[in-house]
Amino acid sequence: QVHLVESGGGRVEPGGSLTLSCVASRPLATSEQMAWYRQVPGKEPDIVASITHDGIKGYVGAVKGRFANSRDIATNTVYLQMNDLTDEDTGIYFCNDFSGGQFTWGQGLQVTVSS
């Protein structure tokens, strides 16, 4: 089972930017899909962005044009560049791996957008 370690969360003012990183403990297989989820208090995590091994990216409507998903195959790392942040982007962000019918989650990062 892959182990995911995230970094890069924190506090930022509205309009600011943050980059989240997620390092996997092993090279990712061609069938694996990586994704970022956001959880707010009292709710289940919702997907924000995803990326396949082939680099095909997906985004939910609220972040299109502001967030950018990328991956570095050589370092087993996926990134989420978040720009023009608003208070609606506040939450705990989880890196997620889906492979063989199984989900694996990172530890979660708090992102707070506040003036």
Protein backbone atom coordinates (compact mmCIF):
# COMPACT_ATOMS: atom_id res chain seq x y z
CA GLN A 1 0.00 0.00 0.00
CA VAL A 2 1.29 3.44 -0.89
CA HIS A 3 1.97 6.00 1.83
CA LEU A 4 1.27 9.66 1.10
CA VAL A 5 2.93 12.62 2.81
CA GLU A 6 1.60 16.12 2.23
CA SER A 7 3.13 19.51 2.80
CA GLY A 8 2.49 23.18 2.04
CA GLY A 9 -0.69 24.10 3.87
CA GLY A 10 -1.09 27.25 5.91
CA ARG A 11 -2.81 30.59 6.19
CA VAL A 12 -3.10 33.07 3.35
CA GLU A 13 -5.03 36.25 2.67
CA PRO A 14 -7.80 36.34 0.08
CA GLY A 15 -6.32 36.62 -3.37
CA GLY A 16 -3.14 34.87 -2.29
CA SER A 17 -1.58 31.61 -3.44
CA LEU A 18 -0.43 28.34 -1.92
CA THR A 19 1.12 25.21 -3.36
CA LEU A 20 0.40 21.83 -1.82
CA SER A 21 2.68 18.85 -2.35
CA CYS A 22 2.04 15.14 -1.92
CA VAL A 23 4.89 12.63 -2.05
CA ALA A 24 4.11 8.96 -2.57
CA SER A 25 6.27 6.28 -0.96
CA ARG A 26 6.74 4.42 -4.23
CA PRO A 27 6.46 5.02 -7.97
CA LEU A 28 2.87 5.27 -9.10
CA ALA A 29 1.48 2.70 -11.49
CA THR A 30 -0.08 3.60 -14.83
CA SER A 31 -3.48 2.67 -13.48
CA GLU A 32 -3.30 4.93 -10.45
CA GLN A 33 -5.13 8.20 -10.22
CA MET A 34 -4.16 10.92 -7.78
CA ALA A 35 -6.58 13.52 -6.49
CA TRP A 36 -6.97 16.34 -4.02
CA TYR A 37 -9.99 16.56 -1.76
CA ARG A 38 -11.17 19.33 0.53
CA GLN A 39 -13.09 18.81 3.73
CA VAL A 40 -14.96 21.48 5.66
CA PRO A 41 -16.37 21.01 9.16
CA GLY A 42 -19.38 18.73 9.32
CA LYS A 43 -19.03 17.45 5.76
CA GLU A 44 -17.38 14.62 3.92
CA PRO A 45 -14.34 15.38 1.76
CA ASP A 46 -15.18 16.62 -1.74
CA ILE A 47 -12.91 16.18 -4.71
CA VAL A 48 -11.20 19.34 -5.94
CA ALA A 49 -8.80 18.14 -8.63
CA SER A 50 -7.47 14.92 -10.10
CA ILE A 51 -4.67 13.77 -12.35
CA THR A 52 -3.98 10.44 -14.05
CA HIS A 53 -0.64 8.80 -14.72
CA ASP A 54 -0.91 10.11 -18.27
CA GLY A 55 -1.34 13.63 -16.95
CA ILE A 56 -5.04 13.99 -17.73
CA LYS A 57 -6.40 16.57 -15.32
CA GLY A 58 -9.82 17.29 -13.90
CA TYR A 59 -11.15 20.10 -11.74
CA VAL A 60 -14.40 20.95 -10.07
CA GLY A 61 -16.06 24.07 -11.44
CA ALA A 62 -15.33 26.29 -8.45
CA VAL A 63 -11.56 26.00 -8.90
CA LYS A 64 -11.20 25.91 -12.68
CA GLY A 65 -8.87 28.61 -13.85
CA ARG A 66 -7.49 29.13 -10.33
CA PHE A 67 -6.03 25.76 -9.33
CA ALA A 68 -3.49 23.75 -11.29
CA ASN A 69 -2.73 20.09 -10.76
CA SER A 70 0.63 18.63 -11.78
CA ARG A 71 2.86 15.67 -11.11
CA ASP A 72 6.55 14.83 -11.16
CA ILE A 73 6.95 11.18 -12.09
CA ALA A 74 10.64 11.18 -11.14
CA THR A 75 9.97 12.14 -7.53
CA ASN A 76 6.54 10.47 -7.10
CA THR A 77 5.08 13.87 -6.27
CA VAL A 78 1.83 15.59 -7.15
CA TYR A 79 1.21 19.28 -6.66
CA LEU A 80 -1.78 21.52 -6.33
CA GLN A 81 -1.05 25.14 -7.16
CA MET A 82 -3.85 27.29 -5.76
CA ASN A 83 -4.21 30.88 -6.91
CA ASP A 84 -6.65 33.70 -6.24
CA LEU A 85 -7.79 32.00 -3.07
CA THR A 86 -11.07 32.92 -1.40
CA ASP A 87 -12.51 32.09 1.99
CA GLU A 88 -14.57 29.39 0.26
CA ASP A 89 -11.32 27.52 -0.34
CA THR A 90 -10.70 27.12 3.39
CA GLY A 91 -10.62 23.55 4.60
CA ILE A 92 -8.50 20.50 5.15
CA TYR A 93 -6.93 19.28 1.94
CA PHE A 94 -6.19 15.60 1.48
CA CYS A 95 -4.07 13.93 -1.13
CA ASN A 96 -5.70 10.74 -2.36
CA ASP A 97 -4.52 7.73 -4.32
CA PHE A 98 -6.93 5.37 -6.06
CA SER A 99 -5.54 2.05 -7.19
CA GLY A 100 -6.88 -1.49 -7.39
CA GLY A 101 -10.23 -0.41 -6.03
CA GLN A 102 -8.63 1.02 -2.91
CA PHE A 103 -8.34 4.58 -1.67
CA THR A 104 -5.33 5.78 0.28
CA TRP A 105 -5.33 9.15 2.02
CA GLY A 106 -2.65 11.53 3.16
CA GLN A 107 -2.68 13.05 6.63
CA GLY A 108 -4.44 16.25 5.55
CA LEU A 109 -3.34 19.88 5.45
CA GLN A 110 -5.18 22.84 6.89
CA VAL A 111 -5.60 25.68 4.44
CA THR A 112 -7.10 28.86 5.85
CA VAL A 113 -7.96 31.83 3.70
CA SER A 114 -8.59 34.83 5.88
CA SER A 115 -7.78 38.49 6.15
